[in-house]
PDB file of N, CA and C in Angstrom:
ATOM      1  N   UNK A   1      50.606 -73.886  86.495  1.00  0.00           N
ATOM      2  CA  UNK A   1      50.173 -74.439  85.267  1.00  0.00           C
ATOM      3  C   UNK A   1      49.632 -76.264  86.294  1.00  0.00           C
ATOM      4  N   UNK A   2      48.739 -76.531  86.404  1.00  0.00           N
ATOM      5  CA  UNK A   2      48.359 -77.662  86.739  1.00  0.00           C
ATOM      6  C   UNK A   2      47.213 -78.771  85.436  1.00  0.00           C
ATOM      7  N   UNK A   3      47.839 -79.659  85.725  1.00  0.00           N
ATOM      8  CA  UNK A   3      46.818 -80.312  84.284  1.00  0.00           C
ATOM      9  C   UNK A   3      46.370 -81.555  84.531  1.00  0.00           C
ATOM     10  N   UNK A   4      44.857 -82.008  83.756  1.00  0.00           N
ATOM     11  CA  UNK A   4      44.850 -82.625  84.851  1.00  0.00           C
ATOM     12  C   UNK A   4      44.447 -84.207  83.765  1.00  0.00           C
ATOM     13  N   UNK A   5      44.952 -85.185  84.334  1.00  0.00           N
ATOM     14  CA  UNK A   5      44.740 -86.576  83.758  1.00  0.00           C
ATOM     15  C   UNK A   5      43.801 -87.149  82.919  1.00  0.00           C
ATOM     16  N   UNK A   6      43.738 -87.114  81.574  1.00  0.00           N
ATOM     17  CA  UNK A   6      42.740 -87.472  81.035  1.00  0.00           C
ATOM     18  C   UNK A   6      42.379 -89.170  81.169  1.00  0.00           C
ATOM     19  N   UNK A   7      40.915 -89.932  81.910  1.00  0.00           N
ATOM     20  CA  UNK A   7      41.442 -91.298  81.380  1.00  0.00           C
ATOM     21  C   UNK A   7      41.091 -91.940  79.935  1.00  0.00           C
ATOM     22  N   UNK A   8      41.845 -93.331  80.359  1.00  0.00           N
ATOM     23  CA  UNK A   8      42.077 -93.927  79.092  1.00  0.00           C
ATOM     24  C   UNK A   8      40.566 -94.077  78.718  1.00  0.00           C
ATOM     25  N   UNK A   9      40.186 -94.958  77.646  1.00  0.00           N
ATOM     26  CA  UNK A   9      38.560 -95.082  76.992  1.00  0.00           C
ATOM     27  C   UNK A   9      39.142 -96.084  75.823  1.00  0.00           C
ATOM     28  N   UNK A  10      38.306 -96.224  75.185  1.00  0.00           N
ATOM     29  CA  UNK A  10      38.636 -97.867  74.593  1.00  0.00           C
ATOM     30  C   UNK A  10      37.184 -97.973  73.863  1.00  0.00           C
ATOM     31  N   UNK A  11      36.623 -98.159  72.596  1.00  0.00           N
ATOM     32  CA  UNK A  11      35.456 -98.165  71.871  1.00  0.00           C
ATOM     33  C   UNK A  11      35.734 -99.188  71.482  1.00  0.00           C
ATOM     34  N   UNK A  12      33.729-100.112  70.903  1.00  0.00           N
ATOM     35  CA  UNK A  12      34.177-101.064  70.106  1.00  0.00           C
ATOM     36  C   UNK A  12      32.835-101.037  70.247  1.00  0.00           C
ATOM     37  N   UNK A  13      32.321-100.691  68.639  1.00  0.00           N
ATOM     38  CA  UNK A  13      31.470-100.335  67.794  1.00  0.00           C
ATOM     39  C   UNK A  13      31.111 -99.318  69.179  1.00  0.00           C
ATOM     40  N   UNK A  14      29.711 -99.787  69.320  1.00  0.00           N
ATOM     41  CA  UNK A  14      29.052 -98.635  70.085  1.00  0.00           C
ATOM     42  C   UNK A  14      28.450 -99.001  71.628  1.00  0.00           C
ATOM     43  N   UNK A  15      29.529 -99.516  72.361  1.00  0.00           N
ATOM     44  CA  UNK A  15      29.844 -99.466  73.140  1.00  0.00           C
ATOM     45  C   UNK A  15      31.161 -98.700  73.262  1.00  0.00           C
ATOM     46  N   UNK A  16      31.664 -97.362  74.049  1.00  0.00           N
ATOM     47  CA  UNK A  16      32.252 -97.111  75.492  1.00  0.00           C
ATOM     48  C   UNK A  16      32.883 -97.373  76.692  1.00  0.00           C
ATOM     49  N   UNK A  17      34.296 -97.613  76.936  1.00  0.00           N
ATOM     50  CA  UNK A  17      34.652 -97.870  77.991  1.00  0.00           C
ATOM     51  C   UNK A  17      35.591 -96.941  78.519  1.00  0.00           C
ATOM     52  N   UNK A  18      35.600 -96.204  79.761  1.00  0.00           N
ATOM     53  CA  UNK A  18      36.487 -94.959  80.214  1.00  0.00           C
ATOM     54  C   UNK A  18      37.007 -95.543  81.826  1.00  0.00           C
ATOM     55  N   UNK A  19      38.007 -95.001  81.429  1.00  0.00           N
ATOM     56  CA  UNK A  19      38.818 -96.115  82.701  1.00  0.00           C
ATOM     57  C   UNK A  19      38.407 -95.422  84.381  1.00  0.00           C
ATOM     58  N   UNK A  20      38.390 -95.880  85.136  1.00  0.00           N
ATOM     59  CA  UNK A  20      36.732 -95.117  86.339  1.00  0.00           C
ATOM     60  C   UNK A  20      38.180 -95.319  87.376  1.00  0.00           C
ATOM     61  N   UNK A  21      38.231 -94.369  88.273  1.00  0.00           N
ATOM     62  CA  UNK A  21      39.050 -94.495  89.792  1.00  0.00           C
ATOM     63  C   UNK A  21      38.251 -96.190  90.443  1.00  0.00           C
ATOM     64  N   UNK A  22      38.518 -95.841  91.702  1.00  0.00           N
ATOM     65  CA  UNK A  22      38.782 -97.061  92.539  1.00  0.00           C
ATOM     66  C   UNK A  22      37.514 -97.379  92.858  1.00  0.00           C
ATOM     67  N   UNK A  23      37.147 -95.826  93.663  1.00  0.00           N
ATOM     68  CA  UNK A  23      35.993 -95.681  94.391  1.00  0.00           C
ATOM     69  C   UNK A  23      35.018 -95.315  93.678  1.00  0.00           C
ATOM     70  N   UNK A  24      34.437 -95.665  92.429  1.00  0.00           N
ATOM     71  CA  UNK A  24      33.668 -96.139  91.730  1.00  0.00           C
ATOM     72  C   UNK A  24      32.712 -96.329  92.800  1.00  0.00           C
ATOM     73  N   UNK A  25      31.316 -95.792  93.508  1.00  0.00           N
ATOM     74  CA  UNK A  25      29.943 -96.795  93.791  1.00  0.00           C
ATOM     75  C   UNK A  25      29.087 -97.463  93.047  1.00  0.00           C
ATOM     76  N   UNK A  26      29.810 -98.590  92.989  1.00  0.00           N
ATOM     77  CA  UNK A  26      28.979 -99.782  92.755  1.00  0.00           C
ATOM     78  C   UNK A  26      27.752-100.357  93.249  1.00  0.00           C
ATOM     79  N   UNK A  27      26.745-100.771  92.319  1.00  0.00           N
ATOM     80  CA  UNK A  27      25.241-101.572  92.696  1.00  0.00           C
ATOM     81  C   UNK A  27      24.717-102.424  92.557  1.00  0.00           C
ATOM     82  N   UNK A  28      23.777-102.992  92.335  1.00  0.00           N
ATOM     83  CA  UNK A  28      23.516-104.204  92.025  1.00  0.00           C
ATOM     84  C   UNK A  28      24.610-105.118  90.949  1.00  0.00           C
ATOM     85  N   UNK A  29      24.912-106.585  91.408  1.00  0.00           N
ATOM     86  CA  UNK A  29      25.599-106.897  90.625  1.00  0.00           C
ATOM     87  C   UNK A  29      24.945-107.526  89.658  1.00  0.00           C
ATOM     88  N   UNK A  30      25.336-108.181  88.162  1.00  0.00           N
ATOM     89  CA  UNK A  30      24.697-107.712  87.153  1.00  0.00           C
ATOM     90  C   UNK A  30      25.269-109.425  86.592  1.00  0.00           C
ATOM     91  N   UNK A  31      24.168-110.439  86.762  1.00  0.00           N
ATOM     92  CA  UNK A  31      24.095-111.822  86.450  1.00  0.00           C
ATOM     93  C   UNK A  31      24.787-111.803  84.995  1.00  0.00           C
ATOM     94  N   UNK A  32      26.012-113.201  85.272  1.00  0.00           N
ATOM     95  CA  UNK A  32      26.165-113.285  83.436  1.00  0.00           C
ATOM     96  C   UNK A  32      25.232-113.945  83.609  1.00  0.00           C
ATOM     97  N   UNK A  33      25.964-114.483  81.786  1.00  0.00           N
ATOM     98  CA  UNK A  33      24.783-115.074  80.690  1.00  0.00           C
ATOM     99  C   UNK A  33      25.175-116.559  80.858  1.00  0.00           C
ATOM    100  N   UNK A  34      23.954-116.891  80.455  1.00  0.00           N
ATOM    101  CA  UNK A  34      23.880-118.823  80.654  1.00  0.00           C
ATOM    102  C   UNK A  34      25.207-119.590  80.228  1.00  0.00           C
ATOM    103  N   UNK A  35      26.178-118.796  79.981  1.00  0.00           N
ATOM    104  CA  UNK A  35      27.602-119.409  78.762  1.00  0.00           C
ATOM    105  C   UNK A  35      28.848-118.520  79.823  1.00  0.00           C
ATOM    106  N   UNK A  36      27.925-117.988  81.028  1.00  0.00           N
ATOM    107  CA  UNK A  36      29.259-117.299  81.924  1.00  0.00           C
ATOM    108  C   UNK A  36      29.439-116.065  81.093  1.00  0.00           C
ATOM    109  N   UNK A  37      29.749-115.838  79.868  1.00  0.00           N
ATOM    110  CA  UNK A  37      30.102-114.567  80.409  1.00  0.00           C
ATOM    111  C   UNK A  37      29.588-113.407  80.469  1.00  0.00           C
ATOM    112  N   UNK A  38      30.273-112.304  80.518  1.00  0.00           N
ATOM    113  CA  UNK A  38      29.877-110.704  81.326  1.00  0.00           C
ATOM    114  C   UNK A  38      29.228-110.254  80.095  1.00  0.00           C
ATOM    115  N   UNK A  39      28.067-110.112  80.123  1.00  0.00           N
ATOM    116  CA  UNK A  39      27.677-108.691  78.186  1.00  0.00           C
ATOM    117  C   UNK A  39      27.585-107.935  78.518  1.00  0.00           C
ATOM    118  N   UNK A  40      28.279-106.933  77.938  1.00  0.00           N
ATOM    119  CA  UNK A  40      28.119-105.348  77.840  1.00  0.00           C
ATOM    120  C   UNK A  40      27.749-104.796  77.233  1.00  0.00           C
ATOM    121  N   UNK A  41      26.899-105.262  76.126  1.00  0.00           N
ATOM    122  CA  UNK A  41      26.465-104.641  75.398  1.00  0.00           C
ATOM    123  C   UNK A  41      25.710-105.574  74.735  1.00  0.00           C
ATOM    124  N   UNK A  42      23.789-106.290  74.680  1.00  0.00           N
ATOM    125  CA  UNK A  42      23.652-107.481  73.890  1.00  0.00           C
ATOM    126  C   UNK A  42      23.079-107.084  72.404  1.00  0.00           C
ATOM    127  N   UNK A  43      23.318-107.996  71.501  1.00  0.00           N
ATOM    128  CA  UNK A  43      23.218-107.392  70.452  1.00  0.00           C
ATOM    129  C   UNK A  43      21.546-108.385  69.840  1.00  0.00           C
ATOM    130  N   UNK A  44      20.241-107.359  70.295  1.00  0.00           N
ATOM    131  CA  UNK A  44      18.763-107.413  70.291  1.00  0.00           C
ATOM    132  C   UNK A  44      19.523-108.202  68.752  1.00  0.00           C
ATOM    133  N   UNK A  45      19.196-107.257  67.215  1.00  0.00           N
ATOM    134  CA  UNK A  45      18.640-107.819  66.453  1.00  0.00           C
ATOM    135  C   UNK A  45      19.776-109.049  65.811  1.00  0.00           C
ATOM    136  N   UNK A  46      21.234-109.217  65.759  1.00  0.00           N
ATOM    137  CA  UNK A  46      22.281-109.895  65.558  1.00  0.00           C
ATOM    138  C   UNK A  46      22.375-111.619  66.459  1.00  0.00           C
ATOM    139  N   UNK A  47      22.624-110.818  67.838  1.00  0.00           N
ATOM    140  CA  UNK A  47      22.602-112.042  68.008  1.00  0.00           C
ATOM    141  C   UNK A  47      24.197-111.966  68.946  1.00  0.00           C
ATOM    142  N   UNK A  48      25.183-111.055  67.971  1.00  0.00           N
ATOM    143  CA  UNK A  48      26.375-110.891  68.664  1.00  0.00           C
ATOM    144  C   UNK A  48      26.472-110.204  70.088  1.00  0.00           C
ATOM    145  N   UNK A  49      26.776-110.455  70.464  1.00  0.00           N
ATOM    146  CA  UNK A  49      27.145-109.368  71.858  1.00  0.00           C
ATOM    147  C   UNK A  49      28.897-108.614  72.034  1.00  0.00           C
ATOM    148  N   UNK A  50      29.074-107.920  72.925  1.00  0.00           N
ATOM    149  CA  UNK A  50      30.087-107.187  73.474  1.00  0.00           C
ATOM    150  C   UNK A  50      30.004-107.665  74.684  1.00  0.00           C
ATOM    151  N   UNK A  51      31.102-109.001  74.589  1.00  0.00           N
ATOM    152  CA  UNK A  51      31.260-109.639  76.101  1.00  0.00           C
ATOM    153  C   UNK A  51      33.028-110.176  76.733  1.00  0.00           C
ATOM    154  N   UNK A  52      32.698-110.891  77.454  1.00  0.00           N
ATOM    155  CA  UNK A  52      34.310-110.950  78.632  1.00  0.00           C
ATOM    156  C   UNK A  52      33.887-112.298  78.595  1.00  0.00           C
ATOM    157  N   UNK A  53      34.642-113.207  78.679  1.00  0.00           N
ATOM    158  CA  UNK A  53      34.146-114.859  78.798  1.00  0.00           C
ATOM    159  C   UNK A  53      35.135-114.417  80.662  1.00  0.00           C
ATOM    160  N   UNK A  54      35.915-114.006  80.818  1.00  0.00           N
ATOM    161  CA  UNK A  54      36.970-114.419  82.371  1.00  0.00           C
ATOM    162  C   UNK A  54      35.935-114.804  83.601  1.00  0.00           C
ATOM    163  N   UNK A  55      36.395-115.104  83.858  1.00  0.00           N
ATOM    164  CA  UNK A  55      35.632-114.792  85.680  1.00  0.00           C
ATOM    165  C   UNK A  55      36.631-113.695  86.300  1.00  0.00           C
ATOM    166  N   UNK A  56      37.290-113.608  85.918  1.00  0.00           N
ATOM    167  CA  UNK A  56      38.465-112.443  86.666  1.00  0.00           C
ATOM    168  C   UNK A  56      37.582-111.097  86.114  1.00  0.00           C
ATOM    169  N   UNK A  57      35.918-110.484  85.733  1.00  0.00           N
ATOM    170  CA  UNK A  57      35.310-109.869  84.658  1.00  0.00           C
ATOM    171  C   UNK A  57      34.217-109.585  85.402  1.00  0.00           C
ATOM    172  N   UNK A  58      34.120-108.549  86.289  1.00  0.00           N
ATOM    173  CA  UNK A  58      31.986-108.716  86.940  1.00  0.00           C
ATOM    174  C   UNK A  58      31.665-107.125  87.045  1.00  0.00           C
ATOM    175  N   UNK A  59      30.159-107.588  85.943  1.00  0.00           N
ATOM    176  CA  UNK A  59      29.897-106.029  85.630  1.00  0.00           C
ATOM    177  C   UNK A  59      28.537-105.359  86.615  1.00  0.00           C
ATOM    178  N   UNK A  60      28.269-104.146  87.427  1.00  0.00           N
ATOM    179  CA  UNK A  60      27.601-103.716  88.670  1.00  0.00           C
ATOM    180  C   UNK A  60      26.539-102.162  87.779  1.00  0.00           C
ATOM    181  N   UNK A  61      26.095-102.536  88.667  1.00  0.00           N
ATOM    182  CA  UNK A  61      24.516-101.083  87.899  1.00  0.00           C
ATOM    183  C   UNK A  61      25.510-100.125  88.449  1.00  0.00           C
ATOM    184  N   UNK A  62      25.032 -98.986  88.902  1.00  0.00           N
ATOM    185  CA  UNK A  62      25.918 -97.741  89.127  1.00  0.00           C
ATOM    186  C   UNK A  62      25.050 -97.122  90.487  1.00  0.00           C
ATOM    187  N   UNK A  63      25.717 -97.038  91.245  1.00  0.00           N
ATOM    188  CA  UNK A  63      24.839 -97.137  92.508  1.00  0.00           C
ATOM    189  C   UNK A  63      24.775 -94.906  92.444  1.00  0.00           C
ATOM    190  N   UNK A  64      25.391 -94.205  91.683  1.00  0.00           N
ATOM    191  CA  UNK A  64      25.319 -92.974  92.587  1.00  0.00           C
ATOM    192  C   UNK A  64      24.649 -92.415  91.290  1.00  0.00           C
ATOM    193  N   UNK A  65      24.196 -92.880  90.420  1.00  0.00           N
ATOM    194  CA  UNK A  65      23.428 -92.109  89.025  1.00  0.00           C
ATOM    195  C   UNK A  65      22.666 -92.128  88.413  1.00  0.00           C
ATOM    196  N   UNK A  66      20.998 -91.989  89.134  1.00  0.00           N
ATOM    197  CA  UNK A  66      19.632 -92.573  88.339  1.00  0.00           C
ATOM    198  C   UNK A  66      20.424 -91.765  86.851  1.00  0.00           C
ATOM    199  N   UNK A  67      20.341 -90.634  86.343  1.00  0.00           N
ATOM    200  CA  UNK A  67      20.302 -91.237  85.077  1.00  0.00           C
ATOM    201  C   UNK A  67      21.222 -91.791  83.760  1.00  0.00           C
ATOM    202  N   UNK A  68      22.760 -91.695  84.483  1.00  0.00           N
ATOM    203  CA  UNK A  68      23.681 -93.059  84.267  1.00  0.00           C
ATOM    204  C   UNK A  68      22.977 -94.455  84.074  1.00  0.00           C
ATOM    205  N   UNK A  69      21.967 -94.797  85.179  1.00  0.00           N
ATOM    206  CA  UNK A  69      21.471 -95.716  85.430  1.00  0.00           C
ATOM    207  C   UNK A  69      20.674 -96.010  84.239  1.00  0.00           C
ATOM    208  N   UNK A  70      19.998 -95.325  84.194  1.00  0.00           N
ATOM    209  CA  UNK A  70      18.205 -94.739  82.907  1.00  0.00           C
ATOM    210  C   UNK A  70      18.962 -95.308  81.467  1.00  0.00           C
ATOM    211  N   UNK A  71      19.887 -94.328  81.502  1.00  0.00           N
ATOM    212  CA  UNK A  71      20.642 -94.716  80.643  1.00  0.00           C
ATOM    213  C   UNK A  71      21.930 -96.197  79.787  1.00  0.00           C
ATOM    214  N   UNK A  72      21.438 -97.106  80.605  1.00  0.00           N
ATOM    215  CA  UNK A  72      22.185 -97.909  80.631  1.00  0.00           C
ATOM    216  C   UNK A  72      23.781 -98.320  81.014  1.00  0.00           C
ATOM    217  N   UNK A  73      24.479 -96.704  81.307  1.00  0.00           N
ATOM    218  CA  UNK A  73      24.819 -96.340  82.278  1.00  0.00           C
ATOM    219  C   UNK A  73      25.748 -98.006  83.156  1.00  0.00           C
ATOM    220  N   UNK A  74      26.967 -97.980  82.861  1.00  0.00           N
ATOM    221  CA  UNK A  74      27.396 -99.556  84.144  1.00  0.00           C
ATOM    222  C   UNK A  74      28.602 -99.592  84.846  1.00  0.00           C
ATOM    223  N   UNK A  75      28.847-100.443  85.517  1.00  0.00           N
ATOM    224  CA  UNK A  75      30.812-100.527  85.952  1.00  0.00           C
ATOM    225  C   UNK A  75      30.900-102.287  85.764  1.00  0.00           C
ATOM    226  N   UNK A  76      32.167-101.860  85.311  1.00  0.00           N
ATOM    227  CA  UNK A  76      32.840-102.822  84.598  1.00  0.00           C
ATOM    228  C   UNK A  76      34.333-103.215  85.378  1.00  0.00           C
ATOM    229  N   UNK A  77      34.256-103.981  86.510  1.00  0.00           N
ATOM    230  CA  UNK A  77      35.622-104.217  87.420  1.00  0.00           C
ATOM    231  C   UNK A  77      36.522-105.108  86.907  1.00  0.00           C
ATOM    232  N   UNK A  78      37.629-105.468  86.283  1.00  0.00           N
ATOM    233  CA  UNK A  78      38.372-106.391  86.099  1.00  0.00           C
ATOM    234  C   UNK A  78      39.381-106.640  87.027  1.00  0.00           C
ATOM    235  N   UNK A  79      39.298-107.542  87.481  1.00  0.00           N
ATOM    236  CA  UNK A  79      40.794-108.652  88.878  1.00  0.00           C
ATOM    237  C   UNK A  79      42.035-108.673  88.421  1.00  0.00           C
ATOM    238  N   UNK A  80      41.719-108.694  86.562  1.00  0.00           N
ATOM    239  CA  UNK A  80      43.146-109.146  86.438  1.00  0.00           C
ATOM    240  C   UNK A  80      42.664-108.542  84.469  1.00  0.00           C
ATOM    241  N   UNK A  81      43.640-108.143  83.259  1.00  0.00           N
ATOM    242  CA  UNK A  81      43.528-108.285  82.230  1.00  0.00           C
ATOM    243  C   UNK A  81      42.031-109.132  82.123  1.00  0.00           C
ATOM    244  N   UNK A  82      41.591-108.662  81.301  1.00  0.00           N
ATOM    245  CA  UNK A  82      40.282-109.397  80.139  1.00  0.00           C
ATOM    246  C   UNK A  82      40.338-109.038  79.153  1.00  0.00           C
ATOM    247  N   UNK A  83      39.735-109.754  77.463  1.00  0.00           N
ATOM    248  CA  UNK A  83      40.075-109.345  77.322  1.00  0.00           C
ATOM    249  C   UNK A  83      37.523-109.407  76.391  1.00  0.00           C
ATOM    250  N   UNK A  84      37.674-107.291  76.366  1.00  0.00           N
ATOM    251  CA  UNK A  84      36.065-107.804  75.271  1.00  0.00           C
ATOM    252  C   UNK A  84      35.931-108.247  74.008  1.00  0.00           C
ATOM    253  N   UNK A  85      35.172-109.002  74.167  1.00  0.00           N
ATOM    254  CA  UNK A  85      35.689-110.081  72.237  1.00  0.00           C
ATOM    255  C   UNK A  85      33.636-109.427  71.601  1.00  0.00           C
ATOM    256  N   UNK A  86      33.340-109.283  70.064  1.00  0.00           N
ATOM    257  CA  UNK A  86      32.115-108.912  69.399  1.00  0.00           C
ATOM    258  C   UNK A  86      32.952-109.683  68.149  1.00  0.00           C
ATOM    259  N   UNK A  87      31.776-110.085  67.917  1.00  0.00           N
ATOM    260  CA  UNK A  87      31.442-111.391  66.502  1.00  0.00           C
ATOM    261  C   UNK A  87      32.612-110.233  65.459  1.00  0.00           C
ATOM    262  N   UNK A  88      32.215-109.063  64.495  1.00  0.00           N
ATOM    263  CA  UNK A  88      32.030-107.733  64.287  1.00  0.00           C
ATOM    264  C   UNK A  88      33.352-106.735  64.221  1.00  0.00           C
ATOM    265  N   UNK A  89      34.158-106.690  65.638  1.00  0.00           N
ATOM    266  CA  UNK A  89      34.922-105.740  66.357  1.00  0.00           C
ATOM    267  C   UNK A  89      36.595-106.434  66.044  1.00  0.00           C
ATOM    268  N   UNK A  90      37.850-106.264  66.740  1.00  0.00           N
ATOM    269  CA  UNK A  90      38.600-106.425  67.165  1.00  0.00           C
ATOM    270  C   UNK A  90      38.412-106.639  68.394  1.00  0.00           C
ATOM    271  N   UNK A  91      38.976-107.925  68.936  1.00  0.00           N
ATOM    272  CA  UNK A  91      39.348-107.553  70.764  1.00  0.00           C
ATOM    273  C   UNK A  91      39.677-106.627  71.256  1.00  0.00           C
ATOM    274  N   UNK A  92      39.462-106.565  72.528  1.00  0.00           N
ATOM    275  CA  UNK A  92      39.998-105.612  72.729  1.00  0.00           C
ATOM    276  C   UNK A  92      40.559-105.778  74.570  1.00  0.00           C
ATOM    277  N   UNK A  93      41.781-105.446  74.646  1.00  0.00           N
ATOM    278  CA  UNK A  93      42.539-106.054  75.824  1.00  0.00           C
ATOM    279  C   UNK A  93      42.227-104.569  76.842  1.00  0.00           C
ATOM    280  N   UNK A  94      41.888-105.034  78.309  1.00  0.00           N
ATOM    281  CA  UNK A  94      41.427-104.323  79.192  1.00  0.00           C
ATOM    282  C   UNK A  94      42.269-104.230  80.421  1.00  0.00           C
ATOM    283  N   UNK A  95      43.397-103.403  81.313  1.00  0.00           N
ATOM    284  CA  UNK A  95      44.540-103.683  81.840  1.00  0.00           C
ATOM    285  C   UNK A  95      43.362-103.984  83.345  1.00  0.00           C
ATOM    286  N   UNK A  96      43.472-104.956  84.072  1.00  0.00           N
ATOM    287  CA  UNK A  96      43.001-104.792  85.481  1.00  0.00           C
ATOM    288  C   UNK A  96      42.726-102.954  85.659  1.00  0.00           C
ATOM    289  N   UNK A  97      41.360-103.058  86.376  1.00  0.00           N
ATOM    290  CA  UNK A  97      40.850-102.259  87.362  1.00  0.00           C
ATOM    291  C   UNK A  97      39.261-102.191  86.537  1.00  0.00           C
ATOM    292  N   UNK A  98      39.107-101.135  87.077  1.00  0.00           N
ATOM    293  CA  UNK A  98      37.591-100.073  87.203  1.00  0.00           C
ATOM    294  C   UNK A  98      37.609 -98.981  86.248  1.00  0.00           C
ATOM    295  N   UNK A  99      36.207 -99.759  85.257  1.00  0.00           N
ATOM    296  CA  UNK A  99      35.616 -98.889  84.551  1.00  0.00           C
ATOM    297  C   UNK A  99      34.066 -98.837  83.761  1.00  0.00           C
ATOM    298  N   UNK A 100      34.004 -97.347  83.509  1.00  0.00           N
ATOM    299  CA  UNK A 100      32.613 -97.380  83.505  1.00  0.00           C
ATOM    300  C   UNK A 100      32.150 -97.655  81.817  1.00  0.00           C
ATOM    301  N   UNK A 101      31.293 -98.223  81.525  1.00  0.00           N
ATOM    302  CA  UNK A 101      30.799 -98.864  80.350  1.00  0.00           C
ATOM    303  C   UNK A 101      28.993 -97.735  80.458  1.00  0.00           C
ATOM    304  N   UNK A 102      29.936 -97.122  78.980  1.00  0.00           N
ATOM    305  CA  UNK A 102      28.148 -96.669  78.238  1.00  0.00           C
ATOM    306  C   UNK A 102      28.374 -96.778  76.914  1.00  0.00           C
ATOM    307  N   UNK A 103      26.674 -97.347  76.645  1.00  0.00           N
ATOM    308  CA  UNK A 103      26.425 -97.472  74.836  1.00  0.00           C
ATOM    309  C   UNK A 103      25.855 -96.053  74.294  1.00  0.00           C
ATOM    310  N   UNK A 104      26.501 -96.397  72.899  1.00  0.00           N
ATOM    311  CA  UNK A 104      26.088 -94.811  72.468  1.00  0.00           C
ATOM    312  C   UNK A 104      24.180 -94.677  72.255  1.00  0.00           C
ATOM    313  N   UNK A 105      23.652 -93.885  72.202  1.00  0.00           N
ATOM    314  CA  UNK A 105      22.477 -93.466  72.548  1.00  0.00           C
ATOM    315  C   UNK A 105      21.673 -92.684  71.257  1.00  0.00           C
ATOM    316  N   UNK A 106      20.845 -92.672  70.832  1.00  0.00           N
ATOM    317  CA  UNK A 106      20.279 -91.989  69.662  1.00  0.00           C
ATOM    318  C   UNK A 106      19.138 -91.134  70.267  1.00  0.00           C
ATOM    319  N   UNK A 107      19.087 -89.703  69.073  1.00  0.00           N
ATOM    320  CA  UNK A 107      17.682 -89.404  69.672  1.00  0.00           C
ATOM    321  C   UNK A 107      16.630 -89.928  68.982  1.00  0.00           C
ATOM    322  N   UNK A 108      15.285 -89.637  69.309  1.00  0.00           N
ATOM    323  CA  UNK A 108      14.601 -90.316  69.309  1.00  0.00           C
ATOM    324  C   UNK A 108      13.481 -89.025  69.862  1.00  0.00           C
ATOM    325  N   UNK A 109      12.479 -88.461  68.902  1.00  0.00           N
ATOM    326  CA  UNK A 109      11.394 -87.168  69.566  1.00  0.00           C
ATOM    327  C   UNK A 109      10.554 -87.985  70.306  1.00  0.00           C
ATOM    328  N   UNK A 110      10.416 -88.914  70.109  1.00  0.00           N
ATOM    329  CA  UNK A 110       8.929 -89.748  71.111  1.00  0.00           C
ATOM    330  C   UNK A 110      10.265 -90.227  73.229  1.00  0.00           C
ATOM    331  N   UNK A 111      11.212 -90.497  72.282  1.00  0.00           N
ATOM    332  CA  UNK A 111      11.367 -90.722  74.268  1.00  0.00           C
ATOM    333  C   UNK A 111      12.693 -90.020  74.524  1.00  0.00           C
ATOM    334  N   UNK A 112      13.296 -89.011  73.230  1.00  0.00           N
ATOM    335  CA  UNK A 112      14.593 -87.955  73.334  1.00  0.00           C
ATOM    336  C   UNK A 112      15.387 -88.515  73.365  1.00  0.00           C
ATOM    337  N   UNK A 113      16.024 -89.917  73.852  1.00  0.00           N
ATOM    338  CA  UNK A 113      17.316 -90.634  73.770  1.00  0.00           C
ATOM    339  C   UNK A 113      16.940 -92.159  74.430  1.00  0.00           C
ATOM    340  N   UNK A 114      18.185 -92.884  73.547  1.00  0.00           N
ATOM    341  CA  UNK A 114      17.367 -94.668  73.996  1.00  0.00           C
ATOM    342  C   UNK A 114      18.591 -95.353  73.255  1.00  0.00           C
ATOM    343  N   UNK A 115      19.173 -96.284  74.083  1.00  0.00           N
ATOM    344  CA  UNK A 115      20.101 -96.824  73.547  1.00  0.00           C
ATOM    345  C   UNK A 115      20.198 -97.514  72.071  1.00  0.00           C
ATOM    346  N   UNK A 116      21.355 -97.474  71.755  1.00  0.00           N
ATOM    347  CA  UNK A 116      21.611 -98.324  70.239  1.00  0.00           C
ATOM    348  C   UNK A 116      21.321 -99.410  70.178  1.00  0.00           C
ATOM    349  N   UNK A 117      20.721-100.030  69.779  1.00  0.00           N
ATOM    350  CA  UNK A 117      20.914-102.124  69.133  1.00  0.00           C
ATOM    351  C   UNK A 117      21.717-101.693  67.694  1.00  0.00           C
ATOM    352  N   UNK A 118      21.939-103.669  68.173  1.00  0.00           N
ATOM    353  CA  UNK A 118      22.811-103.931  66.798  1.00  0.00           C
ATOM    354  C   UNK A 118      21.923-104.365  66.192  1.00  0.00           C
TER     355      UNK A 118
END
């Protein structure tokens, strides 16, 4: 019987991070914030962001999945270990690698699904 290895996952509030293969197709690079951080999810109401300050991190749009792109799914690439921080959550250490970043969605009868905003 063959078992498949489950990818490692991390959650910080409404952000889910899933270990991804190196060959995941990246799209356009997401610009850094004015202060140089990579913002995985912006807190629209609180101003608190799920962010990585390291220059060893980069965020990309998905190039291979229109549905994932529409829901805000992106690819995080870390050349070295990086730390994800948010003012209301414990920091998360992510090892070198590639990750799928998903934000929680909620059902809305007018739009069917939408991303959750802090």
